[in-house]
PDB file of N, CA and C in Angstrom:
ATOM      1  N   MET A   1     -15.953  -9.373   9.803  1.00  0.00           N
ATOM      2  CA  MET A   1     -15.552  -9.044   8.465  1.00  0.00           C
ATOM      3  C   MET A   1     -14.703 -10.190   7.921  1.00  0.00           C
ATOM      4  N   ALA A   2     -15.070 -10.670   6.778  1.00  0.00           N
ATOM      5  CA  ALA A   2     -14.373 -11.814   6.195  1.00  0.00           C
ATOM      6  C   ALA A   2     -12.997 -11.405   5.670  1.00  0.00           C
ATOM      7  N   ARG A   3     -12.056 -12.287   5.855  1.00  0.00           N
ATOM      8  CA  ARG A   3     -10.713 -12.032   5.340  1.00  0.00           C
ATOM      9  C   ARG A   3     -10.716 -12.212   3.821  1.00  0.00           C
ATOM     10  N   ALA A   4      -9.904 -11.424   3.149  1.00  0.00           N
ATOM     11  CA  ALA A   4      -9.828 -11.499   1.693  1.00  0.00           C
ATOM     12  C   ALA A   4      -9.158 -12.805   1.282  1.00  0.00           C
ATOM     13  N   LYS A   5      -9.800 -13.501   0.366  1.00  0.00           N
ATOM     14  CA  LYS A   5      -9.233 -14.749  -0.136  1.00  0.00           C
ATOM     15  C   LYS A   5      -8.111 -14.420  -1.116  1.00  0.00           C
ATOM     16  N   ARG A   6      -7.165 -15.331  -1.202  1.00  0.00           N
ATOM     17  CA  ARG A   6      -5.982 -15.089  -2.011  1.00  0.00           C
ATOM     18  C   ARG A   6      -6.199 -15.566  -3.442  1.00  0.00           C
ATOM     19  N   THR A   7      -5.790 -14.730  -4.372  1.00  0.00           N
ATOM     20  CA  THR A   7      -5.716 -15.124  -5.774  1.00  0.00           C
ATOM     21  C   THR A   7      -4.268 -14.921  -6.203  1.00  0.00           C
ATOM     22  N   SER A   8      -3.870 -15.611  -7.243  1.00  0.00           N
ATOM     23  CA  SER A   8      -2.479 -15.530  -7.666  1.00  0.00           C
ATOM     24  C   SER A   8      -2.402 -15.183  -9.147  1.00  0.00           C
ATOM     25  N   THR A   9      -1.847 -14.018  -9.429  1.00  0.00           N
ATOM     26  CA  THR A   9      -1.647 -13.646 -10.832  1.00  0.00           C
ATOM     27  C   THR A   9      -0.562 -14.526 -11.455  1.00  0.00           C
ATOM     28  N   ARG A  10       0.383 -14.971 -10.638  1.00  0.00           N
ATOM     29  CA  ARG A  10       1.432 -15.854 -11.155  1.00  0.00           C
ATOM     30  C   ARG A  10       0.851 -17.204 -11.564  1.00  0.00           C
ATOM     31  N   LEU A  11      -0.123 -17.682 -10.797  1.00  0.00           N
ATOM     32  CA  LEU A  11      -0.781 -18.944 -11.151  1.00  0.00           C
ATOM     33  C   LEU A  11      -1.541 -18.778 -12.464  1.00  0.00           C
ATOM     34  N   GLN A  12      -2.262 -17.687 -12.601  1.00  0.00           N
ATOM     35  CA  GLN A  12      -3.012 -17.446 -13.835  1.00  0.00           C
ATOM     36  C   GLN A  12      -2.071 -17.326 -15.033  1.00  0.00           C
ATOM     37  N   LYS A  13      -0.952 -16.650 -14.836  1.00  0.00           N
ATOM     38  CA  LYS A  13       0.030 -16.492 -15.907  1.00  0.00           C
ATOM     39  C   LYS A  13       0.618 -17.852 -16.300  1.00  0.00           C
ATOM     40  N   ALA A  14       0.932 -18.674 -15.303  1.00  0.00           N
ATOM     41  CA  ALA A  14       1.487 -20.006 -15.584  1.00  0.00           C
ATOM     42  C   ALA A  14       0.473 -20.866 -16.333  1.00  0.00           C
ATOM     43  N   GLU A  15      -0.815 -20.767 -15.960  1.00  0.00           N
ATOM     44  CA  GLU A  15      -1.854 -21.530 -16.661  1.00  0.00           C
ATOM     45  C   GLU A  15      -1.950 -21.104 -18.127  1.00  0.00           C
ATOM     46  N   ARG A  16      -1.900 -19.802 -18.375  1.00  0.00           N
ATOM     47  CA  ARG A  16      -1.959 -19.313 -19.762  1.00  0.00           C
ATOM     48  C   ARG A  16      -0.740 -19.789 -20.553  1.00  0.00           C
ATOM     49  N   ARG A  17       0.431 -19.737 -19.917  1.00  0.00           N
ATOM     50  CA  ARG A  17       1.643 -20.188 -20.606  1.00  0.00           C
ATOM     51  C   ARG A  17       1.583 -21.682 -20.908  1.00  0.00           C
ATOM     52  N   ALA A  18       1.109 -22.463 -19.942  1.00  0.00           N
ATOM     53  CA  ALA A  18       1.023 -23.915 -20.154  1.00  0.00           C
ATOM     54  C   ALA A  18       0.045 -24.228 -21.280  1.00  0.00           C
ATOM     55  N   ALA A  19      -1.061 -23.499 -21.331  1.00  0.00           N
ATOM     56  CA  ALA A  19      -2.027 -23.717 -22.409  1.00  0.00           C
ATOM     57  C   ALA A  19      -1.393 -23.389 -23.759  1.00  0.00           C
ATOM     58  N   GLY A  20      -0.619 -22.307 -23.800  1.00  0.00           N
ATOM     59  CA  GLY A  20       0.063 -21.947 -25.038  1.00  0.00           C
ATOM     60  C   GLY A  20       1.101 -22.978 -25.436  1.00  0.00           C
ATOM     61  N   MET A  21       1.847 -23.490 -24.451  1.00  0.00           N
ATOM     62  CA  MET A  21       2.858 -24.515 -24.735  1.00  0.00           C
ATOM     63  C   MET A  21       2.200 -25.802 -25.208  1.00  0.00           C
ATOM     64  N   GLY A  22       1.022 -26.085 -24.677  1.00  0.00           N
ATOM     65  CA  GLY A  22       0.303 -27.283 -25.103  1.00  0.00           C
ATOM     66  C   GLY A  22      -0.135 -27.201 -26.551  1.00  0.00           C
ATOM     67  N   SER A  23      -0.351 -25.984 -27.037  1.00  0.00           N
ATOM     68  CA  SER A  23      -0.731 -25.844 -28.447  1.00  0.00           C
ATOM     69  C   SER A  23       0.467 -26.063 -29.367  1.00  0.00           C
ATOM     70  N   ILE A  24       1.684 -25.899 -28.822  1.00  0.00           N
ATOM     71  CA  ILE A  24       2.886 -26.183 -29.611  1.00  0.00           C
ATOM     72  C   ILE A  24       3.001 -27.688 -29.804  1.00  0.00           C
ATOM     73  N   LYS A  25       2.949 -28.395 -28.668  1.00  0.00           N
ATOM     74  CA  LYS A  25       3.058 -29.859 -28.701  1.00  0.00           C
ATOM     75  C   LYS A  25       2.475 -30.372 -27.393  1.00  0.00           C
ATOM     76  N   PRO A  26       1.498 -31.291 -27.447  1.00  0.00           N
ATOM     77  CA  PRO A  26       0.844 -31.766 -26.225  1.00  0.00           C
ATOM     78  C   PRO A  26       1.800 -32.407 -25.217  1.00  0.00           C
ATOM     79  N   ASN A  27       2.829 -33.084 -25.665  1.00  0.00           N
ATOM     80  CA  ASN A  27       3.789 -33.725 -24.760  1.00  0.00           C
ATOM     81  C   ASN A  27       5.139 -33.027 -24.854  1.00  0.00           C
ATOM     82  N   LEU A  28       5.147 -31.720 -24.734  1.00  0.00           N
ATOM     83  CA  LEU A  28       6.355 -30.925 -24.882  1.00  0.00           C
ATOM     84  C   LEU A  28       7.383 -31.325 -23.828  1.00  0.00           C
ATOM     85  N   ASP A  29       8.617 -31.586 -24.279  1.00  0.00           N
ATOM     86  CA  ASP A  29       9.714 -31.948 -23.380  1.00  0.00           C
ATOM     87  C   ASP A  29      10.914 -31.091 -23.760  1.00  0.00           C
ATOM     88  N   MET A  30      11.298 -30.187 -22.844  1.00  0.00           N
ATOM     89  CA  MET A  30      12.409 -29.286 -23.112  1.00  0.00           C
ATOM     90  C   MET A  30      13.727 -29.831 -22.563  1.00  0.00           C
ATOM     91  N   GLY A  31      13.727 -31.023 -21.999  1.00  0.00           N
ATOM     92  CA  GLY A  31      14.932 -31.615 -21.431  1.00  0.00           C
ATOM     93  C   GLY A  31      15.141 -31.154 -19.998  1.00  0.00           C
ATOM     94  N   ASN A  32      16.040 -31.818 -19.293  1.00  0.00           N
ATOM     95  CA  ASN A  32      16.359 -31.512 -17.895  1.00  0.00           C
ATOM     96  C   ASN A  32      15.125 -31.539 -16.994  1.00  0.00           C
ATOM     97  N   GLY A  33      14.192 -32.407 -17.272  1.00  0.00           N
ATOM     98  CA  GLY A  33      13.003 -32.552 -16.436  1.00  0.00           C
ATOM     99  C   GLY A  33      11.966 -31.466 -16.650  1.00  0.00           C
ATOM    100  N   MET A  34      12.150 -30.635 -17.677  1.00  0.00           N
ATOM    101  CA  MET A  34      11.178 -29.577 -17.955  1.00  0.00           C
ATOM    102  C   MET A  34      10.210 -30.059 -19.026  1.00  0.00           C
ATOM    103  N   THR A  35       9.168 -30.742 -18.534  1.00  0.00           N
ATOM    104  CA  THR A  35       8.135 -31.227 -19.440  1.00  0.00           C
ATOM    105  C   THR A  35       6.842 -30.477 -19.159  1.00  0.00           C
ATOM    106  N   LEU A  36       5.967 -30.489 -20.136  1.00  0.00           N
ATOM    107  CA  LEU A  36       4.677 -29.826 -19.974  1.00  0.00           C
ATOM    108  C   LEU A  36       3.860 -30.516 -18.886  1.00  0.00           C
ATOM    109  N   ASN A  37       3.974 -31.835 -18.791  1.00  0.00           N
ATOM    110  CA  ASN A  37       3.249 -32.567 -17.742  1.00  0.00           C
ATOM    111  C   ASN A  37       3.734 -32.164 -16.347  1.00  0.00           C
ATOM    112  N   GLU A  38       5.044 -31.996 -16.178  1.00  0.00           N
ATOM    113  CA  GLU A  38       5.590 -31.556 -14.889  1.00  0.00           C
ATOM    114  C   GLU A  38       5.150 -30.124 -14.574  1.00  0.00           C
ATOM    115  N   PHE A  39       5.106 -29.298 -15.605  1.00  0.00           N
ATOM    116  CA  PHE A  39       4.660 -27.919 -15.426  1.00  0.00           C
ATOM    117  C   PHE A  39       3.203 -27.889 -14.957  1.00  0.00           C
ATOM    118  N   TRP A  40       2.344 -28.696 -15.601  1.00  0.00           N
ATOM    119  CA  TRP A  40       0.939 -28.780 -15.177  1.00  0.00           C
ATOM    120  C   TRP A  40       0.824 -29.328 -13.757  1.00  0.00           C
ATOM    121  N   ALA A  41       1.693 -30.263 -13.391  1.00  0.00           N
ATOM    122  CA  ALA A  41       1.671 -30.803 -12.024  1.00  0.00           C
ATOM    123  C   ALA A  41       2.012 -29.709 -11.010  1.00  0.00           C
ATOM    124  N   ALA A  42       2.989 -28.860 -11.343  1.00  0.00           N
ATOM    125  CA  ALA A  42       3.346 -27.755 -10.448  1.00  0.00           C
ATOM    126  C   ALA A  42       2.201 -26.747 -10.351  1.00  0.00           C
ATOM    127  N   ILE A  43       1.524 -26.503 -11.454  1.00  0.00           N
ATOM    128  CA  ILE A  43       0.368 -25.596 -11.458  1.00  0.00           C
ATOM    129  C   ILE A  43      -0.745 -26.167 -10.586  1.00  0.00           C
ATOM    130  N   ASP A  44      -1.022 -27.466 -10.740  1.00  0.00           N
ATOM    131  CA  ASP A  44      -2.065 -28.108  -9.922  1.00  0.00           C
ATOM    132  C   ASP A  44      -1.714 -28.072  -8.439  1.00  0.00           C
ATOM    133  N   ASP A  45      -0.426 -28.260  -8.122  1.00  0.00           N
ATOM    134  CA  ASP A  45       0.016 -28.204  -6.726  1.00  0.00           C
ATOM    135  C   ASP A  45      -0.238 -26.812  -6.141  1.00  0.00           C
ATOM    136  N   MET A  46       0.120 -25.779  -6.901  1.00  0.00           N
ATOM    137  CA  MET A  46      -0.108 -24.408  -6.435  1.00  0.00           C
ATOM    138  C   MET A  46      -1.603 -24.131  -6.273  1.00  0.00           C
ATOM    139  N   ARG A  47      -2.408 -24.597  -7.207  1.00  0.00           N
ATOM    140  CA  ARG A  47      -3.854 -24.395  -7.132  1.00  0.00           C
ATOM    141  C   ARG A  47      -4.426 -25.070  -5.886  1.00  0.00           C
ATOM    142  N   ASP A  48      -3.950 -26.283  -5.582  1.00  0.00           N
ATOM    143  CA  ASP A  48      -4.412 -26.997  -4.385  1.00  0.00           C
ATOM    144  C   ASP A  48      -4.011 -26.262  -3.108  1.00  0.00           C
ATOM    145  N   ARG A  49      -2.778 -25.752  -3.080  1.00  0.00           N
ATOM    146  CA  ARG A  49      -2.319 -25.006  -1.898  1.00  0.00           C
ATOM    147  C   ARG A  49      -3.141 -23.728  -1.694  1.00  0.00           C
ATOM    148  N   GLN A  50      -3.419 -23.039  -2.776  1.00  0.00           N
ATOM    149  CA  GLN A  50      -4.217 -21.817  -2.688  1.00  0.00           C
ATOM    150  C   GLN A  50      -5.635 -22.134  -2.211  1.00  0.00           C
ATOM    151  N   LYS A  51      -6.200 -23.205  -2.720  1.00  0.00           N
ATOM    152  CA  LYS A  51      -7.548 -23.613  -2.304  1.00  0.00           C
ATOM    153  C   LYS A  51      -7.566 -23.943  -0.812  1.00  0.00           C
ATOM    154  N   LYS A  52      -6.561 -24.698  -0.365  1.00  0.00           N
ATOM    155  CA  LYS A  52      -6.480 -25.061   1.051  1.00  0.00           C
ATOM    156  C   LYS A  52      -6.318 -23.818   1.922  1.00  0.00           C
ATOM    157  N   TYR A  53      -5.481 -22.888   1.490  1.00  0.00           N
ATOM    158  CA  TYR A  53      -5.267 -21.637   2.224  1.00  0.00           C
ATOM    159  C   TYR A  53      -6.580 -20.867   2.361  1.00  0.00           C
ATOM    160  N   ASN A  54      -7.308 -20.734   1.278  1.00  0.00           N
ATOM    161  CA  ASN A  54      -8.572 -19.998   1.303  1.00  0.00           C
ATOM    162  C   ASN A  54      -9.621 -20.707   2.160  1.00  0.00           C
ATOM    163  N   GLU A  55      -9.622 -22.038   2.147  1.00  0.00           N
ATOM    164  CA  GLU A  55     -10.549 -22.783   3.008  1.00  0.00           C
ATOM    165  C   GLU A  55     -10.218 -22.553   4.483  1.00  0.00           C
ATOM    166  N   ILE A  56      -8.928 -22.524   4.801  1.00  0.00           N
ATOM    167  CA  ILE A  56      -8.517 -22.275   6.190  1.00  0.00           C
ATOM    168  C   ILE A  56      -8.919 -20.867   6.618  1.00  0.00           C
ATOM    169  N   LEU A  57      -8.779 -19.887   5.721  1.00  0.00           N
ATOM    170  CA  LEU A  57      -9.229 -18.528   6.041  1.00  0.00           C
ATOM    171  C   LEU A  57     -10.721 -18.505   6.356  1.00  0.00           C
ATOM    172  N   SER A  58     -11.503 -19.252   5.588  1.00  0.00           N
ATOM    173  CA  SER A  58     -12.942 -19.314   5.843  1.00  0.00           C
ATOM    174  C   SER A  58     -13.225 -19.943   7.196  1.00  0.00           C
ATOM    175  N   THR A  59     -12.458 -20.970   7.552  1.00  0.00           N
ATOM    176  CA  THR A  59     -12.621 -21.609   8.858  1.00  0.00           C
ATOM    177  C   THR A  59     -12.261 -20.639   9.977  1.00  0.00           C
ATOM    178  N   VAL A  60     -11.192 -19.881   9.787  1.00  0.00           N
ATOM    179  CA  VAL A  60     -10.791 -18.886  10.788  1.00  0.00           C
ATOM    180  C   VAL A  60     -11.886 -17.834  10.943  1.00  0.00           C
ATOM    181  N   ASP A  61     -12.463 -17.379   9.831  1.00  0.00           N
ATOM    182  CA  ASP A  61     -13.561 -16.409   9.896  1.00  0.00           C
ATOM    183  C   ASP A  61     -14.736 -16.969  10.686  1.00  0.00           C
ATOM    184  N   GLN A  62     -15.070 -18.223  10.437  1.00  0.00           N
ATOM    185  CA  GLN A  62     -16.186 -18.856  11.141  1.00  0.00           C
ATOM    186  C   GLN A  62     -15.892 -18.949  12.639  1.00  0.00           C
ATOM    187  N   LEU A  63     -14.692 -19.383  12.995  1.00  0.00           N
ATOM    188  CA  LEU A  63     -14.325 -19.480  14.406  1.00  0.00           C
ATOM    189  C   LEU A  63     -14.309 -18.114  15.076  1.00  0.00           C
ATOM    190  N   TYR A  64     -13.851 -17.106  14.361  1.00  0.00           N
ATOM    191  CA  TYR A  64     -13.837 -15.743  14.901  1.00  0.00           C
ATOM    192  C   TYR A  64     -15.262 -15.275  15.202  1.00  0.00           C
ATOM    193  N   ASN A  65     -16.180 -15.502  14.264  1.00  0.00           N
ATOM    194  CA  ASN A  65     -17.572 -15.102  14.479  1.00  0.00           C
ATOM    195  C   ASN A  65     -18.190 -15.853  15.654  1.00  0.00           C
ATOM    196  N   GLU A  66     -17.879 -17.138  15.777  1.00  0.00           N
ATOM    197  CA  GLU A  66     -18.384 -17.916  16.912  1.00  0.00           C
ATOM    198  C   GLU A  66     -17.822 -17.375  18.228  1.00  0.00           C
ATOM    199  N   MET A  67     -16.549 -16.980  18.214  1.00  0.00           N
ATOM    200  CA  MET A  67     -15.929 -16.436  19.414  1.00  0.00           C
ATOM    201  C   MET A  67     -16.577 -15.102  19.805  1.00  0.00           C
ATOM    202  N   ILE A  68     -16.857 -14.250  18.840  1.00  0.00           N
ATOM    203  CA  ILE A  68     -17.508 -12.965  19.114  1.00  0.00           C
ATOM    204  C   ILE A  68     -18.891 -13.202  19.717  1.00  0.00           C
ATOM    205  N   ASP A  69     -19.649 -14.156  19.158  1.00  0.00           N
ATOM    206  CA  ASP A  69     -20.976 -14.473  19.700  1.00  0.00           C
ATOM    207  C   ASP A  69     -20.877 -14.997  21.126  1.00  0.00           C
ATOM    208  N   ALA A  70     -19.907 -15.879  21.374  1.00  0.00           N
ATOM    209  CA  ALA A  70     -19.725 -16.425  22.723  1.00  0.00           C
ATOM    210  C   ALA A  70     -19.313 -15.328  23.698  1.00  0.00           C
ATOM    211  N   GLU A  71     -18.505 -14.396  23.242  1.00  0.00           N
ATOM    212  CA  GLU A  71     -18.066 -13.291  24.088  1.00  0.00           C
ATOM    213  C   GLU A  71     -19.254 -12.409  24.478  1.00  0.00           C
ATOM    214  N   LYS A  72     -20.141 -12.130  23.523  1.00  0.00           N
ATOM    215  CA  LYS A  72     -21.334 -11.332  23.817  1.00  0.00           C
ATOM    216  C   LYS A  72     -22.237 -12.054  24.809  1.00  0.00           C
ATOM    217  N   ALA A  73     -22.412 -13.364  24.600  1.00  0.00           N
ATOM    218  CA  ALA A  73     -23.246 -14.150  25.513  1.00  0.00           C
ATOM    219  C   ALA A  73     -22.636 -14.170  26.913  1.00  0.00           C
ATOM    220  N   LEU A  74     -21.321 -14.275  26.992  1.00  0.00           N
ATOM    221  CA  LEU A  74     -20.646 -14.279  28.289  1.00  0.00           C
ATOM    222  C   LEU A  74     -20.804 -12.936  28.995  1.00  0.00           C
ATOM    223  N   ALA A  75     -20.689 -11.846  28.262  1.00  0.00           N
ATOM    224  CA  ALA A  75     -20.855 -10.517  28.860  1.00  0.00           C
ATOM    225  C   ALA A  75     -22.267 -10.351  29.407  1.00  0.00           C
ATOM    226  N   GLU A  76     -23.248 -10.836  28.668  1.00  0.00           N
ATOM    227  CA  GLU A  76     -24.637 -10.753  29.127  1.00  0.00           C
ATOM    228  C   GLU A  76     -24.846 -11.605  30.374  1.00  0.00           C
ATOM    229  N   ARG A  77     -24.283 -12.798  30.370  1.00  0.00           N
ATOM    230  CA  ARG A  77     -24.415 -13.679  31.535  1.00  0.00           C
ATOM    231  C   ARG A  77     -23.710 -13.076  32.749  1.00  0.00           C
ATOM    232  N   SER A  78     -22.562 -12.466  32.533  1.00  0.00           N
ATOM    233  CA  SER A  78     -21.822 -11.828  33.621  1.00  0.00           C
ATOM    234  C   SER A  78     -22.650 -10.708  34.243  1.00  0.00           C
ATOM    235  N   GLU A  79     -23.289  -9.924  33.398  1.00  0.00           N
ATOM    236  CA  GLU A  79     -24.135  -8.834  33.895  1.00  0.00           C
ATOM    237  C   GLU A  79     -25.329  -9.387  34.677  1.00  0.00           C
ATOM    238  N   ARG A  80     -25.931 -10.454  34.163  1.00  0.00           N
ATOM    239  CA  ARG A  80     -27.065 -11.064  34.876  1.00  0.00           C
ATOM    240  C   ARG A  80     -26.636 -11.651  36.215  1.00  0.00           C
ATOM    241  N   MET A  81     -25.444 -12.248  36.259  1.00  0.00           N
ATOM    242  CA  MET A  81     -24.945 -12.800  37.524  1.00  0.00           C
ATOM    243  C   MET A  81     -24.735 -11.683  38.545  1.00  0.00           C
ATOM    244  N   LEU A  82     -24.152 -10.568  38.114  1.00  0.00           N
ATOM    245  CA  LEU A  82     -23.938  -9.447  39.020  1.00  0.00           C
ATOM    246  C   LEU A  82     -25.275  -8.880  39.496  1.00  0.00           C
ATOM    247  N   ASN A  83     -26.246  -8.798  38.595  1.00  0.00           N
ATOM    248  CA  ASN A  83     -27.576  -8.325  38.989  1.00  0.00           C
ATOM    249  C   ASN A  83     -28.230  -9.278  39.986  1.00  0.00           C
ATOM    250  N   ALA A  84     -28.008 -10.576  39.814  1.00  0.00           N
ATOM    251  CA  ALA A  84     -28.569 -11.551  40.758  1.00  0.00           C
ATOM    252  C   ALA A  84     -27.939 -11.376  42.138  1.00  0.00           C
ATOM    253  N   VAL A  85     -26.639 -11.126  42.185  1.00  0.00           N
ATOM    254  CA  VAL A  85     -25.975 -10.866  43.469  1.00  0.00           C
ATOM    255  C   VAL A  85     -26.559  -9.603  44.093  1.00  0.00           C
ATOM    256  N   ALA A  86     -26.822  -8.588  43.278  1.00  0.00           N
ATOM    257  CA  ALA A  86     -27.406  -7.346  43.790  1.00  0.00           C
ATOM    258  C   ALA A  86     -28.796  -7.581  44.355  1.00  0.00           C
ATOM    259  N   VAL A  87     -29.582  -8.448  43.725  1.00  0.00           N
ATOM    260  CA  VAL A  87     -30.935  -8.736  44.217  1.00  0.00           C
ATOM    261  C   VAL A  87     -30.868  -9.473  45.545  1.00  0.00           C
ATOM    262  N   VAL A  88     -29.973 -10.438  45.651  1.00  0.00           N
ATOM    263  CA  VAL A  88     -29.898 -11.256  46.863  1.00  0.00           C
ATOM    264  C   VAL A  88     -29.250 -10.490  48.013  1.00  0.00           C
ATOM    265  N   TYR A  89     -28.130  -9.809  47.751  1.00  0.00           N
ATOM    266  CA  TYR A  89     -27.358  -9.186  48.828  1.00  0.00           C
ATOM    267  C   TYR A  89     -27.510  -7.663  48.893  1.00  0.00           C
ATOM    268  N   GLY A  90     -27.986  -7.054  47.838  1.00  0.00           N
ATOM    269  CA  GLY A  90     -28.128  -5.601  47.804  1.00  0.00           C
ATOM    270  C   GLY A  90     -26.936  -4.942  47.132  1.00  0.00           C
ATOM    271  N   ARG A  91     -27.197  -3.794  46.537  1.00  0.00           N
ATOM    272  CA  ARG A  91     -26.135  -3.089  45.804  1.00  0.00           C
ATOM    273  C   ARG A  91     -25.133  -2.411  46.732  1.00  0.00           C
ATOM    274  N   ASN A  92     -25.454  -2.304  47.990  1.00  0.00           N
ATOM    275  CA  ASN A  92     -24.559  -1.646  48.934  1.00  0.00           C
ATOM    276  C   ASN A  92     -23.826  -2.659  49.814  1.00  0.00           C
ATOM    277  N   SER A  93     -23.830  -3.918  49.419  1.00  0.00           N
ATOM    278  CA  SER A  93     -23.231  -4.965  50.258  1.00  0.00           C
ATOM    279  C   SER A  93     -21.789  -5.245  49.851  1.00  0.00           C
ATOM    280  N   SER A  94     -21.062  -5.829  50.769  1.00  0.00           N
ATOM    281  CA  SER A  94     -19.683  -6.214  50.457  1.00  0.00           C
ATOM    282  C   SER A  94     -19.670  -7.383  49.471  1.00  0.00           C
ATOM    283  N   GLU A  95     -20.710  -8.233  49.515  1.00  0.00           N
ATOM    284  CA  GLU A  95     -20.793  -9.351  48.561  1.00  0.00           C
ATOM    285  C   GLU A  95     -20.905  -8.826  47.125  1.00  0.00           C
ATOM    286  N   TYR A  96     -21.682  -7.767  46.949  1.00  0.00           N
ATOM    287  CA  TYR A  96     -21.832  -7.150  45.626  1.00  0.00           C
ATOM    288  C   TYR A  96     -20.479  -6.613  45.145  1.00  0.00           C
ATOM    289  N   GLU A  97     -19.748  -6.014  46.069  1.00  0.00           N
ATOM    290  CA  GLU A  97     -18.424  -5.498  45.736  1.00  0.00           C
ATOM    291  C   GLU A  97     -17.463  -6.648  45.417  1.00  0.00           C
ATOM    292  N   MET A  98     -17.563  -7.746  46.167  1.00  0.00           N
ATOM    293  CA  MET A  98     -16.716  -8.917  45.914  1.00  0.00           C
ATOM    294  C   MET A  98     -17.002  -9.518  44.542  1.00  0.00           C
ATOM    295  N   ALA A  99     -18.252  -9.401  44.085  1.00  0.00           N
ATOM    296  CA  ALA A  99     -18.639  -9.957  42.789  1.00  0.00           C
ATOM    297  C   ALA A  99     -18.247  -9.045  41.630  1.00  0.00           C
ATOM    298  N   GLY A 100     -17.699  -7.872  41.951  1.00  0.00           N
ATOM    299  CA  GLY A 100     -17.232  -6.991  40.884  1.00  0.00           C
ATOM    300  C   GLY A 100     -18.039  -5.723  40.717  1.00  0.00           C
ATOM    301  N   GLY A 101     -19.058  -5.538  41.533  1.00  0.00           N
ATOM    302  CA  GLY A 101     -19.853  -4.319  41.452  1.00  0.00           C
ATOM    303  C   GLY A 101     -19.245  -3.216  42.294  1.00  0.00           C
ATOM    304  N   LYS A 102     -19.795  -2.022  42.178  1.00  0.00           N
ATOM    305  CA  LYS A 102     -19.340  -0.895  43.000  1.00  0.00           C
ATOM    306  C   LYS A 102     -20.468  -0.505  43.930  1.00  0.00           C
ATOM    307  N   ARG A 103     -20.135  -0.332  45.179  1.00  0.00           N
ATOM    308  CA  ARG A 103     -21.136   0.110  46.147  1.00  0.00           C
ATOM    309  C   ARG A 103     -21.611   1.510  45.776  1.00  0.00           C
ATOM    310  N   ARG A 104     -22.839   1.785  46.118  1.00  0.00           N
ATOM    311  CA  ARG A 104     -23.406   3.090  45.776  1.00  0.00           C
ATOM    312  C   ARG A 104     -22.635   4.252  46.388  1.00  0.00           C
ATOM    313  N   PRO A 105     -22.242   4.207  47.654  1.00  0.00           N
ATOM    314  CA  PRO A 105     -21.505   5.355  48.206  1.00  0.00           C
ATOM    315  C   PRO A 105     -20.145   5.569  47.540  1.00  0.00           C
ATOM    316  N   GLU A 106     -19.588   4.534  46.935  1.00  0.00           N
ATOM    317  CA  GLU A 106     -18.263   4.648  46.334  1.00  0.00           C
ATOM    318  C   GLU A 106     -18.315   5.085  44.878  1.00  0.00           C
ATOM    319  N   ARG A 107     -19.510   5.199  44.340  1.00  0.00           N
ATOM    320  CA  ARG A 107     -19.630   5.628  42.956  1.00  0.00           C
ATOM    321  C   ARG A 107     -19.288   7.100  42.853  1.00  0.00           C
ATOM    322  N   ARG A 108     -18.588   7.420  41.833  1.00  0.00           N
ATOM    323  CA  ARG A 108     -18.187   8.804  41.625  1.00  0.00           C
ATOM    324  C   ARG A 108     -19.270   9.489  40.802  1.00  0.00           C
ATOM    325  N   ARG A 109     -19.754  10.586  41.306  1.00  0.00           N
ATOM    326  CA  ARG A 109     -20.803  11.311  40.604  1.00  0.00           C
ATOM    327  C   ARG A 109     -20.233  12.630  40.100  1.00  0.00           C
ATOM    328  N   SER A 110     -20.512  12.907  38.874  1.00  0.00           N
ATOM    329  CA  SER A 110     -20.053  14.176  38.319  1.00  0.00           C
ATOM    330  C   SER A 110     -21.173  15.197  38.454  1.00  0.00           C
ATOM    331  N   ARG A 111     -20.774  16.410  38.711  1.00  0.00           N
ATOM    332  CA  ARG A 111     -21.766  17.472  38.862  1.00  0.00           C
ATOM    333  C   ARG A 111     -21.930  18.179  37.538  1.00  0.00           C
ATOM    334  N   GLN A 112     -23.153  18.454  37.200  1.00  0.00           N
ATOM    335  CA  GLN A 112     -23.458  19.190  35.986  1.00  0.00           C
ATOM    336  C   GLN A 112     -23.423  20.677  36.309  1.00  0.00           C
ATOM    337  N   VAL A 113     -22.691  21.444  35.542  1.00  0.00           N
ATOM    338  CA  VAL A 113     -22.627  22.889  35.726  1.00  0.00           C
ATOM    339  C   VAL A 113     -23.571  23.513  34.714  1.00  0.00           C
ATOM    340  N   ALA A 114     -24.471  24.349  35.200  1.00  0.00           N
ATOM    341  CA  ALA A 114     -25.430  25.000  34.316  1.00  0.00           C
ATOM    342  C   ALA A 114     -24.707  25.969  33.397  1.00  0.00           C
ATOM    343  N   PRO A 115     -25.225  26.162  32.182  1.00  0.00           N
ATOM    344  CA  PRO A 115     -24.582  27.103  31.261  1.00  0.00           C
ATOM    345  C   PRO A 115     -24.546  28.508  31.858  1.00  0.00           C
ATOM    346  N   GLY A 116     -23.438  29.183  31.704  1.00  0.00           N
ATOM    347  CA  GLY A 116     -23.282  30.526  32.240  1.00  0.00           C
ATOM    348  C   GLY A 116     -22.700  30.549  33.636  1.00  0.00           C
ATOM    349  N   GLN A 117     -22.673  29.415  34.315  1.00  0.00           N
ATOM    350  CA  GLN A 117     -22.098  29.348  35.654  1.00  0.00           C
ATOM    351  C   GLN A 117     -20.726  28.706  35.568  1.00  0.00           C
ATOM    352  N   GLN A 118     -19.846  29.171  36.399  1.00  0.00           N
ATOM    353  CA  GLN A 118     -18.530  28.562  36.474  1.00  0.00           C
ATOM    354  C   GLN A 118     -18.368  27.947  37.840  1.00  0.00           C
ATOM    355  N   SER A 119     -17.681  26.837  37.875  1.00  0.00           N
ATOM    356  CA  SER A 119     -17.462  26.196  39.167  1.00  0.00           C
ATOM    357  C   SER A 119     -16.379  26.944  39.922  1.00  0.00           C
ATOM    358  N   VAL A 120     -16.541  26.990  41.224  1.00  0.00           N
ATOM    359  CA  VAL A 120     -15.569  27.664  42.078  1.00  0.00           C
ATOM    360  C   VAL A 120     -14.598  26.616  42.588  1.00  0.00           C
ATOM    361  N   ALA A 121     -13.338  26.795  42.292  1.00  0.00           N
ATOM    362  CA  ALA A 121     -12.359  25.806  42.708  1.00  0.00           C
ATOM    363  C   ALA A 121     -11.366  26.373  43.664  1.00  0.00           C
TER     364      ALA A 121
END
């Protein structure tokens, strides 16, 4: 499942305000370093950071999907390796148990109770 990409209502609001300020005067300077050009630079910086963040999320999603695929392939290979040990040494061998399998006599079997019958304990 892909992670939700980030959008910023504050960025959109700042863009609308800057556009409105630009209609007042293209080179608006309010003093103390508050110019329209500096404001647009801050907006562009935020836009670049948001873009980079969203790109990294996409990369993380891709790596996650690759990891899930590798995990499935590993589980399948693990099962095939255990089956190969069972073919060579047998399912009742100590080698099979060493490889992670359970010997047949050690398997726990549950008994099915027929409907209407109760088990005697």
